[in-house]
Protein backbone atom coordinates (compact mmCIF):
# COMPACT_ATOMS: atom_id res chain seq x y z
CA UNK A 1 -16.23 -32.56 -102.95
CA UNK A 2 -19.63 -34.30 -102.68
CA UNK A 3 -21.71 -30.49 -103.71
CA UNK A 4 -21.88 -28.37 -106.60
CA UNK A 5 -19.36 -25.89 -105.46
CA UNK A 6 -16.73 -26.37 -108.91
CA UNK A 7 -13.81 -24.03 -106.64
CA UNK A 8 -9.81 -24.55 -107.89
CA UNK A 9 -11.41 -26.69 -110.91
CA UNK A 10 -11.02 -25.96 -113.92
CA UNK A 11 -13.92 -27.02 -115.88
CA UNK A 12 -15.23 -26.15 -119.82
CA UNK A 13 -17.44 -25.24 -121.97
CA UNK A 14 -19.53 -27.94 -122.44
CA UNK A 15 -19.66 -29.39 -126.56
CA UNK A 16 -22.39 -29.06 -127.59
CA UNK A 17 -23.29 -29.89 -131.65
CA UNK A 18 -23.17 -25.91 -132.47
CA UNK A 19 -20.13 -25.80 -130.70
CA UNK A 20 -18.40 -28.13 -133.13
CA UNK A 21 -15.61 -26.41 -135.23
CA UNK A 22 -14.35 -23.19 -132.99
CA UNK A 23 -11.46 -23.29 -132.44
CA UNK A 24 -11.06 -22.83 -128.83
CA UNK A 25 -9.61 -25.35 -126.71
CA UNK A 26 -12.16 -25.23 -123.62
CA UNK A 27 -14.99 -27.65 -124.65
CA UNK A 28 -12.39 -31.02 -124.50
CA UNK A 29 -13.32 -31.74 -121.10
CA UNK A 30 -10.66 -32.34 -118.11
CA UNK A 31 -9.27 -35.69 -117.65
CA UNK A 32 -11.02 -37.76 -115.85
CA UNK A 33 -13.77 -35.60 -115.65
CA UNK A 34 -17.17 -37.65 -117.63
CA UNK A 35 -20.89 -35.42 -118.83
CA UNK A 36 -24.16 -36.20 -118.08
CA UNK A 37 -27.07 -34.41 -118.15
CA UNK A 38 -28.30 -31.41 -117.99
CA UNK A 39 -30.11 -29.86 -114.83
CA UNK A 40 -33.13 -30.34 -116.12
CA UNK A 41 -33.08 -34.26 -116.12
CA UNK A 42 -31.74 -34.84 -112.28
CA UNK A 43 -35.53 -34.51 -111.29
CA UNK A 44 -35.80 -32.25 -107.30
CA UNK A 45 -35.40 -35.87 -104.22
CA UNK A 46 -34.27 -38.30 -107.43
CA UNK A 47 -31.66 -40.35 -108.87
CA UNK A 48 -30.07 -40.37 -112.16
CA UNK A 49 -27.64 -43.19 -112.61
CA UNK A 50 -24.60 -43.29 -114.79
CA UNK A 51 -21.78 -45.21 -116.34
CA UNK A 52 -18.62 -42.92 -115.79
CA UNK A 53 -15.05 -43.34 -116.68
CA UNK A 54 -12.27 -43.14 -115.18
CA UNK A 55 -9.31 -41.75 -116.78
CA UNK A 56 -7.97 -44.89 -116.12
CA UNK A 57 -11.05 -46.59 -118.83
CA UNK A 58 -12.21 -48.46 -115.79
CA UNK A 59 -15.79 -47.54 -116.54
CA UNK A 60 -18.12 -46.78 -112.81
CA UNK A 61 -21.82 -46.99 -112.61
CA UNK A 62 -22.81 -44.03 -110.63
CA UNK A 63 -25.85 -42.41 -109.00
CA UNK A 64 -26.38 -38.88 -109.02
CA UNK A 65 -29.07 -36.95 -106.87
CA UNK A 66 -29.89 -33.05 -106.36
CA UNK A 67 -31.71 -32.66 -103.56
CA UNK A 68 -33.81 -29.75 -102.60
CA UNK A 69 -35.57 -27.30 -104.25
CA UNK A 70 -37.12 -24.22 -104.87
CA UNK A 71 -33.99 -21.29 -105.25
CA UNK A 72 -31.21 -22.29 -103.04
CA UNK A 73 -28.46 -23.71 -102.80
CA UNK A 74 -28.07 -21.10 -105.87
CA UNK A 75 -24.29 -23.03 -107.12
CA UNK A 76 -24.27 -21.46 -110.90
CA UNK A 77 -27.85 -20.03 -110.99
CA UNK A 78 -28.88 -24.33 -110.45
CA UNK A 79 -31.21 -25.17 -107.11
CA UNK A 80 -30.52 -27.98 -105.28
CA UNK A 81 -27.98 -29.63 -103.71
CA UNK A 82 -25.83 -32.29 -105.53
CA UNK A 83 -24.37 -35.92 -104.21
CA UNK A 84 -22.32 -38.04 -106.54
CA UNK A 85 -22.49 -42.15 -104.83
CA UNK A 86 -21.40 -45.71 -106.40
CA UNK A 87 -24.64 -46.72 -108.26
CA UNK A 88 -24.25 -50.61 -106.60
CA UNK A 89 -25.63 -51.77 -103.19
CA UNK A 90 -22.30 -52.96 -101.13
CA UNK A 91 -24.43 -55.08 -99.41
CA UNK A 92 -25.49 -56.87 -102.79
CA UNK A 93 -23.72 -56.05 -104.94
CA UNK A 94 -26.67 -54.88 -107.49
CA UNK A 95 -26.78 -52.04 -109.07
CA UNK A 96 -30.56 -49.34 -107.34
CA UNK A 97 -28.68 -46.53 -105.74
CA UNK A 98 -30.48 -44.42 -108.52
CA UNK A 99 -33.32 -45.93 -107.56
CA UNK A 100 -33.19 -45.48 -103.72
CA UNK A 101 -35.48 -42.33 -101.47
CA UNK A 102 -33.74 -39.63 -100.26
CA UNK A 103 -34.41 -37.95 -97.77
CA UNK A 104 -32.26 -35.90 -94.43
CA UNK A 105 -32.20 -37.70 -91.19
CA UNK A 106 -31.11 -36.02 -87.55
CA UNK A 107 -27.43 -36.04 -87.00
CA UNK A 108 -26.96 -37.93 -83.71
CA UNK A 109 -26.87 -36.35 -80.75
CA UNK A 110 -22.70 -36.16 -80.59
CA UNK A 111 -21.98 -35.25 -84.40
CA UNK A 112 -22.98 -31.58 -85.33
CA UNK A 113 -26.86 -30.15 -85.59
CA UNK A 114 -27.23 -30.28 -89.63
CA UNK A 115 -28.78 -32.26 -91.07
CA UNK A 116 -27.61 -35.71 -92.91
CA UNK A 117 -28.68 -35.86 -95.98
CA UNK A 118 -29.84 -39.82 -97.17
CA UNK A 119 -30.27 -42.53 -99.87
CA UNK A 120 -31.91 -45.94 -98.45
CA UNK A 121 -30.78 -48.22 -100.53
CA UNK A 122 -34.86 -50.02 -102.43
CA UNK A 123 -32.95 -53.69 -100.88
CA UNK A 124 -31.98 -53.95 -97.46
CA UNK A 125 -33.28 -50.65 -96.77
CA UNK A 126 -29.61 -49.23 -95.48
CA UNK A 127 -29.49 -45.38 -95.24
CA UNK A 128 -26.27 -44.12 -96.60
CA UNK A 129 -25.02 -40.36 -96.21
CA UNK A 130 -24.46 -39.47 -99.21
CA UNK A 131 -21.82 -36.19 -98.15
CA UNK A 132 -19.50 -39.36 -96.81
CA UNK A 133 -20.93 -42.21 -97.94
CA UNK A 134 -20.69 -43.90 -94.92
CA UNK A 135 -23.69 -46.22 -93.67
CA UNK A 136 -25.94 -45.54 -91.05
CA UNK A 137 -27.09 -48.76 -89.79
CA UNK A 138 -23.49 -51.11 -90.63
CA UNK A 139 -19.86 -50.12 -90.44
CA UNK A 140 -19.20 -52.22 -92.52
CA UNK A 141 -20.83 -51.57 -95.01
CA UNK A 142 -19.70 -47.52 -97.33
CA UNK A 143 -20.57 -46.19 -100.38
CA UNK A 144 -18.20 -44.64 -103.05
CA UNK A 145 -18.26 -41.13 -102.68
CA UNK A 146 -17.64 -39.61 -106.30
CA UNK A 147 -16.94 -35.65 -107.48
CA UNK A 148 -19.60 -33.77 -109.19
CA UNK A 149 -19.71 -30.36 -111.05
CA UNK A 150 -22.48 -28.40 -112.15
CA UNK A 151 -21.10 -25.58 -115.47
CA UNK A 152 -23.39 -24.42 -117.53
CA UNK A 153 -26.24 -26.26 -116.40
CA UNK A 154 -24.77 -29.36 -117.41
CA UNK A 155 -24.08 -32.47 -114.64
CA UNK A 156 -20.36 -33.35 -114.97
CA UNK A 157 -19.05 -36.24 -113.25
CA UNK A 158 -15.80 -37.47 -112.00
CA UNK A 159 -14.98 -41.22 -109.97
CA UNK A 160 -12.88 -41.65 -107.70
């Protein structure tokens, strides 16, 4: 799941300092999910970098993107199309993907007619499909995609 669709995911209420001390077991996050930011801290058509920890305790640098604008694709009252991919560029092994340019491209003729949301690596300008991680310029390169969800205006990520 690369979008903010939370169907089937039981996400917790966000633990805020004012909530601490309440006797509510839903305050603890589901295993593997990390709250990384408030939705207002993630600008439209830009990326933000975060370090999230998997269930196994492995720290993973990720890039979260919020594409679109206005009132499109409202999920939990939040506009935008949300994606999360590796922050490390697979071509250079440098953590730069959150600084890449984002946009959409028309798919090849053999694919669907839906535009593909992409991020362009700032170093070698490889174009990656944000939904699948597939590199559109080089079949040997791929970004790992991670789950992202919006719950109570907080951005949550679960690394793959």
